[in-house]
N, C-alpha and C. Protein backbone atom coordinates (compact mmCIF):
# COMPACT_ATOMS: atom_id res chain seq x y z
N MET A 1 0.84 -1.19 0.00
CA MET A 1 0.00 0.00 0.00
C MET A 1 0.88 1.25 0.00
N LEU A 2 0.38 2.29 -0.57
CA LEU A 2 1.12 3.53 -0.74
C LEU A 2 1.64 4.10 0.57
N LEU A 3 0.81 4.13 1.60
CA LEU A 3 1.21 4.76 2.85
C LEU A 3 2.35 4.02 3.53
N GLU A 4 2.29 2.69 3.55
CA GLU A 4 3.36 1.92 4.18
C GLU A 4 4.68 2.08 3.42
N GLU A 5 4.60 2.12 2.12
CA GLU A 5 5.81 2.28 1.31
C GLU A 5 6.45 3.64 1.58
N ARG A 6 5.65 4.69 1.65
CA ARG A 6 6.17 6.03 1.94
C ARG A 6 6.82 6.08 3.32
N TYR A 7 6.17 5.42 4.28
CA TYR A 7 6.68 5.38 5.65
C TYR A 7 8.08 4.76 5.68
N VAL A 8 8.22 3.58 5.10
CA VAL A 8 9.51 2.88 5.11
C VAL A 8 10.53 3.63 4.26
N ASP A 9 10.12 4.13 3.11
CA ASP A 9 11.04 4.88 2.25
C ASP A 9 11.59 6.11 2.97
N PHE A 10 10.72 6.83 3.69
CA PHE A 10 11.16 8.04 4.39
C PHE A 10 12.17 7.68 5.48
N ILE A 11 11.87 6.64 6.24
CA ILE A 11 12.78 6.21 7.31
C ILE A 11 14.14 5.82 6.72
N CYS A 12 14.12 5.03 5.66
CA CYS A 12 15.38 4.58 5.05
C CYS A 12 16.14 5.74 4.41
N GLU A 13 15.45 6.58 3.68
CA GLU A 13 16.10 7.69 2.97
C GLU A 13 16.74 8.68 3.94
N HIS A 14 16.08 8.91 5.07
CA HIS A 14 16.58 9.90 6.03
C HIS A 14 17.30 9.27 7.20
N ASN A 15 17.43 7.96 7.17
CA ASN A 15 18.19 7.22 8.18
C ASN A 15 17.76 7.62 9.61
N ILE A 16 16.46 7.52 9.85
CA ILE A 16 15.93 7.80 11.18
C ILE A 16 15.30 6.54 11.74
N THR A 17 15.05 6.54 13.05
CA THR A 17 14.45 5.38 13.70
C THR A 17 12.92 5.47 13.59
N GLN A 18 12.28 4.36 13.90
CA GLN A 18 10.82 4.35 13.91
C GLN A 18 10.29 5.31 14.97
N GLY A 19 10.96 5.37 16.11
CA GLY A 19 10.56 6.29 17.16
C GLY A 19 10.66 7.74 16.72
N GLN A 20 11.72 8.06 16.00
CA GLN A 20 11.88 9.42 15.48
C GLN A 20 10.75 9.74 14.50
N PHE A 21 10.46 8.79 13.64
CA PHE A 21 9.39 9.01 12.67
C PHE A 21 8.06 9.22 13.39
N LEU A 22 7.79 8.37 14.39
CA LEU A 22 6.54 8.50 15.13
C LEU A 22 6.42 9.88 15.78
N LEU A 23 7.50 10.35 16.37
CA LEU A 23 7.50 11.68 16.98
C LEU A 23 7.21 12.75 15.92
N LEU A 24 7.87 12.68 14.78
CA LEU A 24 7.63 13.64 13.71
C LEU A 24 6.17 13.62 13.28
N TYR A 25 5.63 12.45 13.10
CA TYR A 25 4.26 12.32 12.62
C TYR A 25 3.26 12.85 13.65
N LEU A 26 3.48 12.54 14.93
CA LEU A 26 2.57 13.02 15.96
C LEU A 26 2.65 14.54 16.12
N VAL A 27 3.84 15.10 15.99
CA VAL A 27 3.98 16.56 16.04
C VAL A 27 3.27 17.16 14.83
N TYR A 28 3.45 16.57 13.66
CA TYR A 28 2.78 17.04 12.44
C TYR A 28 1.26 17.03 12.60
N LYS A 29 0.74 15.97 13.19
CA LYS A 29 -0.71 15.85 13.39
C LYS A 29 -1.20 16.60 14.62
N LYS A 30 -0.26 17.22 15.36
CA LYS A 30 -0.58 17.97 16.57
C LYS A 30 -1.27 17.09 17.61
N ARG A 31 -0.74 15.89 17.79
CA ARG A 31 -1.32 14.91 18.73
C ARG A 31 -0.44 14.80 19.97
N LEU A 32 -0.36 15.90 20.71
CA LEU A 32 0.39 15.91 21.96
C LEU A 32 -0.15 14.86 22.93
N ASP A 33 -1.43 14.60 22.89
CA ASP A 33 -2.03 13.58 23.76
C ASP A 33 -1.39 12.21 23.53
N LEU A 34 -1.09 11.90 22.28
CA LEU A 34 -0.46 10.61 21.98
C LEU A 34 1.02 10.60 22.30
N VAL A 35 1.67 11.75 22.19
CA VAL A 35 3.07 11.85 22.63
C VAL A 35 3.14 11.57 24.13
N LEU A 36 2.24 12.18 24.89
CA LEU A 36 2.22 11.96 26.34
C LEU A 36 1.88 10.52 26.69
N LYS A 37 0.96 9.93 25.98
CA LYS A 37 0.60 8.53 26.22
C LYS A 37 1.79 7.61 25.98
N TYR A 38 2.52 7.86 24.89
CA TYR A 38 3.70 7.07 24.56
C TYR A 38 4.77 7.23 25.65
N LYS A 39 4.99 8.47 26.08
CA LYS A 39 5.99 8.75 27.12
C LYS A 39 5.64 8.04 28.42
N GLN A 40 4.36 7.95 28.75
CA GLN A 40 3.95 7.25 29.98
C GLN A 40 4.19 5.74 29.86
N LYS A 41 3.92 5.18 28.71
CA LYS A 41 4.06 3.74 28.51
C LYS A 41 5.52 3.34 28.36
N PHE A 42 6.32 4.18 27.70
CA PHE A 42 7.72 3.88 27.44
C PHE A 42 8.60 5.04 27.92
N PRO A 43 8.72 5.22 29.23
CA PRO A 43 9.48 6.37 29.74
C PRO A 43 10.97 6.29 29.40
N THR A 44 11.56 7.46 29.19
CA THR A 44 13.00 7.54 28.97
C THR A 44 13.63 8.17 30.20
N ASP A 45 14.93 8.04 30.32
CA ASP A 45 15.64 8.60 31.47
C ASP A 45 15.56 10.12 31.53
N ASP A 46 15.43 10.76 30.37
CA ASP A 46 15.45 12.23 30.34
C ASP A 46 14.06 12.85 30.19
N GLY A 47 13.03 12.05 30.17
CA GLY A 47 11.66 12.56 30.12
C GLY A 47 11.14 12.90 28.74
N THR A 48 11.95 12.73 27.71
CA THR A 48 11.47 12.98 26.35
C THR A 48 10.79 11.72 25.82
N MET A 49 10.14 11.84 24.70
CA MET A 49 9.43 10.69 24.13
C MET A 49 10.38 9.59 23.68
N ILE A 50 11.48 9.98 23.03
CA ILE A 50 12.36 8.97 22.44
C ILE A 50 13.81 9.08 22.91
N GLY A 51 14.08 9.98 23.80
CA GLY A 51 15.45 10.20 24.25
C GLY A 51 16.01 11.48 23.65
N LYS A 52 16.67 12.24 24.49
CA LYS A 52 17.17 13.56 24.08
C LYS A 52 18.08 13.49 22.86
N ARG A 53 18.94 12.49 22.82
CA ARG A 53 19.87 12.35 21.69
C ARG A 53 19.12 12.24 20.36
N TRP A 54 18.05 11.45 20.34
CA TRP A 54 17.31 11.24 19.10
C TRP A 54 16.50 12.48 18.72
N VAL A 55 16.00 13.19 19.72
CA VAL A 55 15.26 14.44 19.46
C VAL A 55 16.23 15.49 18.92
N GLU A 56 17.39 15.62 19.55
CA GLU A 56 18.39 16.60 19.08
C GLU A 56 18.80 16.32 17.65
N GLU A 57 18.91 15.05 17.29
CA GLU A 57 19.27 14.70 15.92
C GLU A 57 18.22 15.20 14.94
N LEU A 58 16.96 15.12 15.31
CA LEU A 58 15.90 15.64 14.43
C LEU A 58 16.02 17.15 14.26
N PHE A 59 16.38 17.86 15.33
CA PHE A 59 16.61 19.31 15.21
C PHE A 59 17.85 19.61 14.37
N ASP A 60 18.91 18.85 14.59
CA ASP A 60 20.15 19.05 13.82
C ASP A 60 19.92 18.86 12.33
N ARG A 61 19.03 17.94 11.98
CA ARG A 61 18.75 17.63 10.58
C ARG A 61 17.60 18.47 10.02
N GLU A 62 17.09 19.37 10.85
CA GLU A 62 16.00 20.28 10.49
C GLU A 62 14.72 19.55 10.10
N LEU A 63 14.52 18.35 10.67
CA LEU A 63 13.24 17.67 10.52
C LEU A 63 12.26 18.21 11.56
N LEU A 64 12.80 18.68 12.68
CA LEU A 64 12.05 19.45 13.68
C LEU A 64 12.72 20.81 13.78
N ILE A 65 11.92 21.84 14.03
CA ILE A 65 12.46 23.19 14.20
C ILE A 65 11.76 23.86 15.39
N LYS A 66 12.41 24.87 15.93
CA LYS A 66 11.81 25.72 16.96
C LYS A 66 11.34 27.00 16.29
N LYS A 67 10.09 27.36 16.53
CA LYS A 67 9.55 28.60 15.98
C LYS A 67 8.68 29.22 17.05
N ASP A 68 9.02 30.42 17.46
CA ASP A 68 8.28 31.11 18.53
C ASP A 68 8.16 30.24 19.78
N ASN A 69 9.27 29.62 20.17
CA ASN A 69 9.34 28.75 21.35
C ASN A 69 8.44 27.52 21.27
N LYS A 70 8.05 27.15 20.06
CA LYS A 70 7.24 25.95 19.85
C LYS A 70 8.00 25.00 18.94
N THR A 71 7.82 23.73 19.17
CA THR A 71 8.42 22.72 18.29
C THR A 71 7.47 22.49 17.13
N GLU A 72 8.03 22.58 15.93
CA GLU A 72 7.24 22.37 14.71
C GLU A 72 7.99 21.45 13.77
N ILE A 73 7.27 20.98 12.80
CA ILE A 73 7.84 20.12 11.77
C ILE A 73 8.64 20.99 10.80
N GLY A 74 9.82 20.52 10.45
CA GLY A 74 10.64 21.22 9.48
C GLY A 74 10.13 21.00 8.07
N ILE A 75 10.54 21.86 7.20
CA ILE A 75 10.08 21.81 5.80
C ILE A 75 10.45 20.49 5.12
N LYS A 76 11.56 19.89 5.52
CA LYS A 76 11.97 18.62 4.90
C LYS A 76 10.92 17.54 5.11
N PHE A 77 10.41 17.44 6.33
CA PHE A 77 9.39 16.42 6.62
C PHE A 77 8.10 16.75 5.89
N LYS A 78 7.72 18.02 5.89
CA LYS A 78 6.48 18.42 5.23
C LYS A 78 6.54 18.14 3.73
N GLU A 79 7.62 18.58 3.11
CA GLU A 79 7.72 18.43 1.65
C GLU A 79 7.85 16.99 1.21
N VAL A 80 8.68 16.24 1.89
CA VAL A 80 8.97 14.90 1.43
C VAL A 80 7.91 13.90 1.84
N PHE A 81 7.38 14.04 3.04
CA PHE A 81 6.45 13.03 3.53
C PHE A 81 5.02 13.53 3.60
N CYS A 82 4.78 14.60 4.28
CA CYS A 82 3.41 15.01 4.61
C CYS A 82 2.59 15.41 3.39
N ASN A 83 3.14 16.16 2.47
CA ASN A 83 2.37 16.57 1.31
C ASN A 83 1.89 15.36 0.52
N LYS A 84 2.72 14.34 0.41
CA LYS A 84 2.35 13.14 -0.32
C LYS A 84 1.30 12.34 0.44
N ILE A 85 1.42 12.28 1.75
CA ILE A 85 0.44 11.56 2.56
C ILE A 85 -0.91 12.28 2.53
N ASP A 86 -0.90 13.60 2.64
CA ASP A 86 -2.15 14.35 2.59
C ASP A 86 -2.85 14.13 1.26
N THR A 87 -2.10 14.13 0.17
CA THR A 87 -2.68 13.89 -1.14
C THR A 87 -3.26 12.49 -1.21
N ALA A 88 -2.56 11.50 -0.70
CA ALA A 88 -3.04 10.12 -0.71
C ALA A 88 -4.31 9.99 0.12
N GLU A 89 -4.32 10.61 1.29
CA GLU A 89 -5.50 10.55 2.16
C GLU A 89 -6.70 11.20 1.47
N GLU A 90 -6.48 12.29 0.76
CA GLU A 90 -7.57 12.95 0.05
C GLU A 90 -8.10 12.05 -1.06
N LEU A 91 -7.23 11.35 -1.75
CA LEU A 91 -7.66 10.46 -2.82
C LEU A 91 -8.44 9.26 -2.29
N LEU A 92 -8.05 8.78 -1.12
CA LEU A 92 -8.71 7.61 -0.54
C LEU A 92 -10.01 7.96 0.18
N ALA A 93 -10.20 9.23 0.48
CA ALA A 93 -11.41 9.63 1.24
C ALA A 93 -12.65 9.61 0.38
């Protein structure tokens, strides 16, 4: 299916973990409730969802950005993954 292929392709192309991808996707969908649920079920030593090192890597690669003291999705994630997923979801709806 198109969505699964995009998911795996994005992870492989950008050399990120599944946890990193999940964090990006939940931030993109603005699902802080699910980020908190994940953190409660799988706590890390530093209190982040996937570990500070992995979060910092997303910022270093500009997949996550800080804007007005808020964490947002970087243009790379939006352009490469989200625009294609949104189009696919619209076609399937």
